[in-house]
């Protein structure tokens, strides 16, 4: 088998293109690099970290809205 055609054990299947829209954001390098380092140490992807942060922000915002009613 040709070396570059061998399946990589660590490869994670990529979702079908178009399933989730790609978003573009600007993040200061000091924040991105530190979060990327921690994500690697935790065995997580940056996508997973960003999605969790956004989910937590939405949950917090919903709690704030309920308090103001």
C-alpha atoms as a PDB file:
ATOM      1  CA  UNK A   1       0.000   0.000   0.000  1.00  0.00           C
ATOM      2  CA  UNK A   2       1.253   3.495  -0.793  1.00  0.00           C
ATOM      3  CA  UNK A   3       2.139   5.235   2.522  1.00  0.00           C
ATOM      4  CA  UNK A   4      -0.056   8.295   1.998  1.00  0.00           C
ATOM      5  CA  UNK A   5      -3.107   6.145   1.236  1.00  0.00           C
ATOM      6  CA  UNK A   6      -2.962   4.241   4.504  1.00  0.00           C
ATOM      7  CA  UNK A   7      -5.736   5.210   6.897  1.00  0.00           C
ATOM      8  CA  UNK A   8      -4.486   7.218   9.852  1.00  0.00           C
ATOM      9  CA  UNK A   9      -5.512   5.907  13.250  1.00  0.00           C
ATOM     10  CA  UNK A  10      -5.909   9.405  14.715  1.00  0.00           C
ATOM     11  CA  UNK A  11      -7.974  10.754  11.822  1.00  0.00           C
ATOM     12  CA  UNK A  12     -11.471  11.885  12.755  1.00  0.00           C
ATOM     13  CA  UNK A  13     -14.127  11.641  10.058  1.00  0.00           C
ATOM     14  CA  UNK A  14     -15.000  15.027   8.642  1.00  0.00           C
ATOM     15  CA  UNK A  15     -18.682  15.957   8.454  1.00  0.00           C
ATOM     16  CA  UNK A  16     -20.161  16.264   4.992  1.00  0.00           C
ATOM     17  CA  UNK A  17     -19.459  19.643   3.456  1.00  0.00           C
ATOM     18  CA  UNK A  18     -22.419  21.946   3.826  1.00  0.00           C
ATOM     19  CA  UNK A  19     -23.886  20.249   6.901  1.00  0.00           C
ATOM     20  CA  UNK A  20     -22.606  22.944   9.247  1.00  0.00           C
ATOM     21  CA  UNK A  21     -21.901  26.415   7.858  1.00  0.00           C
ATOM     22  CA  UNK A  22     -18.368  27.713   8.250  1.00  0.00           C
ATOM     23  CA  UNK A  23     -18.170  30.863  10.381  1.00  0.00           C
ATOM     24  CA  UNK A  24     -15.317  33.320  10.373  1.00  0.00           C
ATOM     25  CA  UNK A  25     -14.312  35.205  13.503  1.00  0.00           C
ATOM     26  CA  UNK A  26     -11.289  37.240  14.509  1.00  0.00           C
ATOM     27  CA  UNK A  27      -9.628  36.087  17.714  1.00  0.00           C
ATOM     28  CA  UNK A  28      -6.511  37.702  19.202  1.00  0.00           C
ATOM     29  CA  UNK A  29      -3.495  35.404  18.852  1.00  0.00           C
ATOM     30  CA  UNK A  30      -2.792  35.400  22.617  1.00  0.00           C
ATOM     31  CA  UNK A  31      -6.257  33.947  23.296  1.00  0.00           C
ATOM     32  CA  UNK A  32      -6.312  31.522  20.344  1.00  0.00           C
ATOM     33  CA  UNK A  33      -2.884  30.037  21.052  1.00  0.00           C
ATOM     34  CA  UNK A  34      -3.579  29.489  24.750  1.00  0.00           C
ATOM     35  CA  UNK A  35      -6.971  27.916  24.113  1.00  0.00           C
ATOM     36  CA  UNK A  36      -5.472  25.747  21.336  1.00  0.00           C
ATOM     37  CA  UNK A  37      -2.757  24.520  23.718  1.00  0.00           C
ATOM     38  CA  UNK A  38      -5.288  23.629  26.411  1.00  0.00           C
ATOM     39  CA  UNK A  39      -7.599  21.956  23.874  1.00  0.00           C
ATOM     40  CA  UNK A  40      -4.694  19.794  22.634  1.00  0.00           C
ATOM     41  CA  UNK A  41      -3.812  18.824  26.213  1.00  0.00           C
ATOM     42  CA  UNK A  42      -7.451  17.872  26.818  1.00  0.00           C
ATOM     43  CA  UNK A  43      -7.698  15.971  23.525  1.00  0.00           C
ATOM     44  CA  UNK A  44     -10.361  18.341  22.183  1.00  0.00           C
ATOM     45  CA  UNK A  45     -10.834  20.199  18.935  1.00  0.00           C
ATOM     46  CA  UNK A  46     -11.059  23.958  18.696  1.00  0.00           C
ATOM     47  CA  UNK A  47     -14.490  23.515  17.123  1.00  0.00           C
ATOM     48  CA  UNK A  48     -15.651  21.593  20.178  1.00  0.00           C
ATOM     49  CA  UNK A  49     -14.249  24.225  22.528  1.00  0.00           C
ATOM     50  CA  UNK A  50     -15.875  27.088  20.616  1.00  0.00           C
ATOM     51  CA  UNK A  51     -19.234  25.291  20.424  1.00  0.00           C
ATOM     52  CA  UNK A  52     -19.181  24.592  24.158  1.00  0.00           C
ATOM     53  CA  UNK A  53     -18.352  28.232  24.906  1.00  0.00           C
ATOM     54  CA  UNK A  54     -21.207  29.434  22.685  1.00  0.00           C
ATOM     55  CA  UNK A  55     -23.639  26.940  24.251  1.00  0.00           C
ATOM     56  CA  UNK A  56     -22.659  28.137  27.723  1.00  0.00           C
ATOM     57  CA  UNK A  57     -23.105  31.766  26.653  1.00  0.00           C
ATOM     58  CA  UNK A  58     -26.595  31.018  25.309  1.00  0.00           C
ATOM     59  CA  UNK A  59     -27.564  29.203  28.506  1.00  0.00           C
ATOM     60  CA  UNK A  60     -26.286  32.122  30.606  1.00  0.00           C
ATOM     61  CA  UNK A  61     -28.163  34.617  28.461  1.00  0.00           C
ATOM     62  CA  UNK A  62     -31.400  32.630  28.766  1.00  0.00           C
ATOM     63  CA  UNK A  63     -31.024  32.601  32.558  1.00  0.00           C
ATOM     64  CA  UNK A  64     -30.497  36.377  32.539  1.00  0.00           C
ATOM     65  CA  UNK A  65     -33.628  36.883  30.396  1.00  0.00           C
ATOM     66  CA  UNK A  66     -35.725  34.838  32.842  1.00  0.00           C
ATOM     67  CA  UNK A  67     -34.518  36.926  35.770  1.00  0.00           C
ATOM     68  CA  UNK A  68     -35.575  40.115  33.998  1.00  0.00           C
ATOM     69  CA  UNK A  69     -39.141  38.949  33.327  1.00  0.00           C
END
